[in-house]
Amino acid sequence: MFPKQKSATLYNAQMKNLVNELRTLDHKVHLVHTSVSQWDLVGILHPGAKGHEKIAHDFFEALGQAYERGQITPPVGGANETDSGACPVLPTWIEMGQ
């Protein structure tokens, strides 16, 4: 096993444990497994165009599954919320004391 692969395997295991721990605390989290292979990478680390396409597809599928399970809920109210609960059509710039 390549040294970087060993690190990636350890990282992936830790992410899985973290997601499981957050789920026990009723957090709505989902770990997305991607279908990217070594052939989708540029060099040995970063995905190329085909890899990014696969990642986007995998996340889209995961979002659809989360929606079907009822894990995606409407957002809570914010500072710019309208009476209908929808976001305003145009964003508002909030001065930060510049």
N, C-alpha and C. Protein backbone atom coordinates (compact mmCIF):
# COMPACT_ATOMS: atom_id res chain seq x y z
N MET A 1 0.85 -1.17 0.00
CA MET A 1 0.00 0.00 0.00
C MET A 1 0.90 1.23 0.00
N PHE A 2 0.58 2.21 -0.85
CA PHE A 2 1.34 3.45 -0.93
C PHE A 2 1.12 4.27 0.34
N PRO A 3 2.13 5.03 0.79
CA PRO A 3 1.97 5.82 2.01
C PRO A 3 0.76 6.76 1.96
N LYS A 4 0.52 7.41 0.83
CA LYS A 4 -0.63 8.32 0.74
C LYS A 4 -1.93 7.55 0.81
N GLN A 5 -1.95 6.33 0.26
CA GLN A 5 -3.15 5.51 0.32
C GLN A 5 -3.45 5.11 1.76
N LYS A 6 -2.40 4.83 2.53
CA LYS A 6 -2.59 4.48 3.93
C LYS A 6 -3.22 5.66 4.69
N SER A 7 -2.74 6.87 4.41
CA SER A 7 -3.30 8.06 5.05
C SER A 7 -4.75 8.27 4.63
N ALA A 8 -5.05 8.07 3.35
CA ALA A 8 -6.42 8.23 2.86
C ALA A 8 -7.35 7.20 3.49
N THR A 9 -6.88 5.97 3.63
CA THR A 9 -7.69 4.92 4.24
C THR A 9 -8.00 5.26 5.70
N LEU A 10 -7.00 5.75 6.43
CA LEU A 10 -7.20 6.16 7.82
C LEU A 10 -8.17 7.34 7.91
N TYR A 11 -7.98 8.33 7.03
CA TYR A 11 -8.87 9.50 7.01
C TYR A 11 -10.31 9.09 6.73
N ASN A 12 -10.51 8.22 5.75
CA ASN A 12 -11.86 7.77 5.39
C ASN A 12 -12.52 7.04 6.56
N ALA A 13 -11.76 6.23 7.28
CA ALA A 13 -12.31 5.52 8.44
C ALA A 13 -12.71 6.51 9.53
N GLN A 14 -11.89 7.53 9.75
CA GLN A 14 -12.20 8.54 10.76
C GLN A 14 -13.44 9.34 10.36
N MET A 15 -13.59 9.64 9.07
CA MET A 15 -14.79 10.36 8.60
C MET A 15 -16.04 9.52 8.84
N LYS A 16 -15.96 8.24 8.56
CA LYS A 16 -17.11 7.35 8.77
C LYS A 16 -17.49 7.33 10.26
N ASN A 17 -16.49 7.26 11.14
CA ASN A 17 -16.76 7.28 12.58
C ASN A 17 -17.38 8.60 13.01
N LEU A 18 -16.88 9.71 12.46
CA LEU A 18 -17.42 11.02 12.80
C LEU A 18 -18.88 11.15 12.37
N VAL A 19 -19.19 10.71 11.15
CA VAL A 19 -20.57 10.77 10.66
C VAL A 19 -21.47 9.92 11.54
N ASN A 20 -21.05 8.74 11.89
CA ASN A 20 -21.86 7.88 12.76
C ASN A 20 -22.08 8.51 14.13
N GLU A 21 -21.05 9.15 14.67
CA GLU A 21 -21.18 9.82 15.97
C GLU A 21 -22.16 10.99 15.88
N LEU A 22 -22.07 11.78 14.81
CA LEU A 22 -22.99 12.90 14.65
C LEU A 22 -24.43 12.43 14.47
N ARG A 23 -24.61 11.31 13.80
CA ARG A 23 -25.96 10.76 13.64
C ARG A 23 -26.57 10.36 14.98
N THR A 24 -25.75 9.85 15.89
CA THR A 24 -26.27 9.47 17.22
C THR A 24 -26.72 10.70 17.99
N LEU A 25 -26.22 11.87 17.60
CA LEU A 25 -26.61 13.14 18.23
C LEU A 25 -27.73 13.82 17.44
N ASP A 26 -28.38 13.07 16.54
CA ASP A 26 -29.50 13.55 15.72
C ASP A 26 -29.11 14.62 14.70
N HIS A 27 -27.85 14.67 14.31
CA HIS A 27 -27.45 15.57 13.22
C HIS A 27 -27.80 14.90 11.89
N LYS A 28 -28.23 15.69 10.94
CA LYS A 28 -28.59 15.18 9.62
C LYS A 28 -27.35 15.23 8.73
N VAL A 29 -26.54 14.21 8.83
CA VAL A 29 -25.31 14.13 8.04
C VAL A 29 -25.32 12.85 7.22
N HIS A 30 -24.63 12.90 6.10
CA HIS A 30 -24.58 11.75 5.21
C HIS A 30 -23.18 11.70 4.60
N LEU A 31 -22.57 10.56 4.61
CA LEU A 31 -21.26 10.38 4.01
C LEU A 31 -21.46 9.93 2.57
N VAL A 32 -20.94 10.69 1.64
CA VAL A 32 -21.10 10.37 0.22
C VAL A 32 -19.86 9.62 -0.27
N HIS A 33 -20.08 8.42 -0.72
CA HIS A 33 -19.01 7.63 -1.32
C HIS A 33 -18.96 7.96 -2.81
N THR A 34 -17.82 8.36 -3.29
CA THR A 34 -17.71 8.73 -4.70
C THR A 34 -17.21 7.56 -5.53
N SER A 35 -17.52 7.63 -6.80
CA SER A 35 -17.13 6.57 -7.72
C SER A 35 -15.84 6.93 -8.48
N VAL A 36 -15.08 7.87 -7.94
CA VAL A 36 -13.84 8.29 -8.57
C VAL A 36 -12.78 7.19 -8.40
N SER A 37 -12.11 6.89 -9.48
CA SER A 37 -11.04 5.89 -9.43
C SER A 37 -9.71 6.57 -9.75
N GLN A 38 -8.65 5.82 -9.67
CA GLN A 38 -7.32 6.38 -9.96
C GLN A 38 -7.24 6.90 -11.39
N TRP A 39 -8.08 6.39 -12.29
CA TRP A 39 -8.06 6.81 -13.69
C TRP A 39 -8.72 8.17 -13.88
N ASP A 40 -9.42 8.66 -12.85
CA ASP A 40 -10.11 9.95 -12.92
C ASP A 40 -9.27 11.07 -12.31
N LEU A 41 -8.05 10.75 -11.87
CA LEU A 41 -7.21 11.72 -11.20
C LEU A 41 -6.21 12.36 -12.14
N VAL A 42 -5.84 13.59 -11.81
CA VAL A 42 -4.73 14.27 -12.49
C VAL A 42 -3.56 14.15 -11.53
N GLY A 43 -2.52 13.49 -11.96
CA GLY A 43 -1.44 13.18 -11.03
C GLY A 43 -1.90 12.03 -10.15
N ILE A 44 -1.63 12.14 -8.86
CA ILE A 44 -2.04 11.05 -7.96
C ILE A 44 -3.04 11.51 -6.90
N LEU A 45 -3.47 12.79 -6.97
CA LEU A 45 -4.27 13.30 -5.88
C LEU A 45 -5.58 13.96 -6.30
N HIS A 46 -5.56 14.84 -7.27
CA HIS A 46 -6.72 15.66 -7.59
C HIS A 46 -7.51 15.10 -8.77
N PRO A 47 -8.85 15.19 -8.69
CA PRO A 47 -9.67 14.70 -9.80
C PRO A 47 -9.57 15.62 -11.01
N GLY A 48 -9.62 15.01 -12.18
CA GLY A 48 -9.68 15.77 -13.43
C GLY A 48 -11.14 16.05 -13.77
N ALA A 49 -11.40 16.44 -15.00
CA ALA A 49 -12.76 16.79 -15.42
C ALA A 49 -13.73 15.62 -15.23
N LYS A 50 -13.33 14.42 -15.64
CA LYS A 50 -14.20 13.25 -15.48
C LYS A 50 -14.42 12.93 -14.00
N GLY A 51 -13.39 13.10 -13.18
CA GLY A 51 -13.53 12.88 -11.75
C GLY A 51 -14.51 13.86 -11.12
N HIS A 52 -14.42 15.13 -11.50
CA HIS A 52 -15.35 16.13 -10.98
C HIS A 52 -16.78 15.82 -11.42
N GLU A 53 -16.93 15.34 -12.64
CA GLU A 53 -18.26 14.96 -13.12
C GLU A 53 -18.83 13.81 -12.28
N LYS A 54 -18.00 12.84 -11.96
CA LYS A 54 -18.46 11.71 -11.13
C LYS A 54 -18.82 12.18 -9.71
N ILE A 55 -18.01 13.07 -9.15
CA ILE A 55 -18.28 13.59 -7.81
C ILE A 55 -19.61 14.33 -7.81
N ALA A 56 -19.84 15.18 -8.81
CA ALA A 56 -21.10 15.92 -8.89
C ALA A 56 -22.28 14.97 -8.99
N HIS A 57 -22.15 13.93 -9.79
CA HIS A 57 -23.22 12.94 -9.93
C HIS A 57 -23.48 12.24 -8.61
N ASP A 58 -22.43 11.84 -7.91
CA ASP A 58 -22.58 11.14 -6.64
C ASP A 58 -23.25 12.02 -5.58
N PHE A 59 -22.88 13.31 -5.52
CA PHE A 59 -23.50 14.21 -4.57
C PHE A 59 -24.96 14.48 -4.93
N PHE A 60 -25.26 14.60 -6.22
CA PHE A 60 -26.63 14.80 -6.66
C PHE A 60 -27.50 13.61 -6.24
N GLU A 61 -27.00 12.41 -6.44
CA GLU A 61 -27.73 11.20 -6.04
C GLU A 61 -27.92 11.16 -4.52
N ALA A 62 -26.88 11.52 -3.76
CA ALA A 62 -26.97 11.50 -2.30
C ALA A 62 -27.99 12.52 -1.80
N LEU A 63 -28.03 13.69 -2.44
CA LEU A 63 -29.02 14.70 -2.05
C LEU A 63 -30.44 14.19 -2.33
N GLY A 64 -30.64 13.52 -3.46
CA GLY A 64 -31.94 12.96 -3.77
C GLY A 64 -32.36 11.91 -2.76
N GLN A 65 -31.43 11.06 -2.35
CA GLN A 65 -31.74 10.04 -1.34
C GLN A 65 -32.05 10.67 0.01
N ALA A 66 -31.31 11.71 0.38
CA ALA A 66 -31.57 12.40 1.65
C ALA A 66 -32.94 13.06 1.62
N TYR A 67 -33.32 13.62 0.49
CA TYR A 67 -34.64 14.25 0.36
C TYR A 67 -35.73 13.20 0.50
N GLU A 68 -35.56 12.06 -0.16
CA GLU A 68 -36.57 10.99 -0.10
C GLU A 68 -36.72 10.45 1.33
N ARG A 69 -35.66 10.47 2.12
CA ARG A 69 -35.71 10.00 3.50
C ARG A 69 -36.22 11.08 4.46
N GLY A 70 -36.51 12.27 3.94
CA GLY A 70 -36.99 13.35 4.80
C GLY A 70 -35.90 14.03 5.60
N GLN A 71 -34.65 13.89 5.17
CA GLN A 71 -33.54 14.49 5.90
C GLN A 71 -33.29 15.94 5.50
N ILE A 72 -33.92 16.39 4.44
CA ILE A 72 -33.76 17.77 4.01
C ILE A 72 -35.04 18.51 4.37
N THR A 73 -34.91 19.52 5.21
CA THR A 73 -36.06 20.27 5.68
C THR A 73 -35.90 21.74 5.29
N PRO A 74 -37.01 22.50 5.30
CA PRO A 74 -36.91 23.92 4.98
C PRO A 74 -35.96 24.63 5.94
N PRO A 75 -35.30 25.68 5.48
CA PRO A 75 -34.36 26.40 6.36
C PRO A 75 -35.10 27.14 7.47
N VAL A 76 -34.37 27.41 8.54
CA VAL A 76 -34.94 28.19 9.64
C VAL A 76 -34.89 29.66 9.27
N GLY A 77 -35.64 30.47 9.98
CA GLY A 77 -35.69 31.90 9.69
C GLY A 77 -34.35 32.58 9.88
N GLY A 78 -34.14 33.62 9.11
CA GLY A 78 -32.91 34.39 9.22
C GLY A 78 -33.22 35.87 9.33
N ALA A 79 -32.20 36.67 9.34
CA ALA A 79 -32.37 38.11 9.52
C ALA A 79 -33.16 38.75 8.38
N ASN A 80 -33.08 38.20 7.16
CA ASN A 80 -33.75 38.80 6.02
C ASN A 80 -35.00 38.03 5.59
N GLU A 81 -35.53 37.22 6.48
CA GLU A 81 -36.68 36.39 6.12
C GLU A 81 -37.92 37.27 5.90
N THR A 82 -38.70 36.94 4.87
CA THR A 82 -39.94 37.67 4.61
C THR A 82 -41.07 37.00 5.37
N ASP A 83 -42.26 37.61 5.34
CA ASP A 83 -43.41 37.06 6.05
C ASP A 83 -43.78 35.67 5.55
N SER A 84 -43.54 35.38 4.27
CA SER A 84 -43.89 34.07 3.72
C SER A 84 -42.91 32.99 4.12
N GLY A 85 -41.78 33.37 4.70
CA GLY A 85 -40.77 32.40 5.06
C GLY A 85 -39.77 32.16 3.95
N ALA A 86 -39.98 32.77 2.79
CA ALA A 86 -39.07 32.59 1.66
C ALA A 86 -37.95 33.62 1.74
N CYS A 87 -36.87 33.34 1.09
CA CYS A 87 -35.76 34.28 1.02
C CYS A 87 -36.16 35.45 0.14
N PRO A 88 -35.62 36.65 0.38
CA PRO A 88 -35.93 37.77 -0.49
C PRO A 88 -35.39 37.52 -1.89
N VAL A 89 -36.04 38.12 -2.88
CA VAL A 89 -35.64 37.91 -4.27
C VAL A 89 -34.25 38.49 -4.51
N LEU A 90 -34.00 39.68 -4.00
CA LEU A 90 -32.71 40.32 -4.18
C LEU A 90 -31.93 40.29 -2.88
N PRO A 91 -30.65 39.92 -2.92
CA PRO A 91 -29.87 39.93 -1.69
C PRO A 91 -29.66 41.35 -1.18
N THR A 92 -29.44 41.48 0.10
CA THR A 92 -29.25 42.79 0.72
C THR A 92 -27.83 42.87 1.26
N TRP A 93 -27.15 43.99 0.98
CA TRP A 93 -25.80 44.22 1.49
C TRP A 93 -25.92 44.79 2.89
N ILE A 94 -25.26 44.17 3.85
CA ILE A 94 -25.27 44.64 5.22
C ILE A 94 -23.93 45.27 5.51
N GLU A 95 -23.92 46.56 5.79
CA GLU A 95 -22.68 47.27 6.09
C GLU A 95 -22.04 46.70 7.35
N MET A 96 -20.74 46.54 7.32
CA MET A 96 -20.04 45.97 8.47
C MET A 96 -19.07 46.98 9.08
N GLY A 97 -19.42 48.27 9.01
CA GLY A 97 -18.60 49.30 9.65
C GLY A 97 -17.37 49.72 8.88
N GLN A 98 -17.41 49.59 7.54
CA GLN A 98 -16.24 49.99 6.75
C GLN A 98 -16.19 51.49 6.62
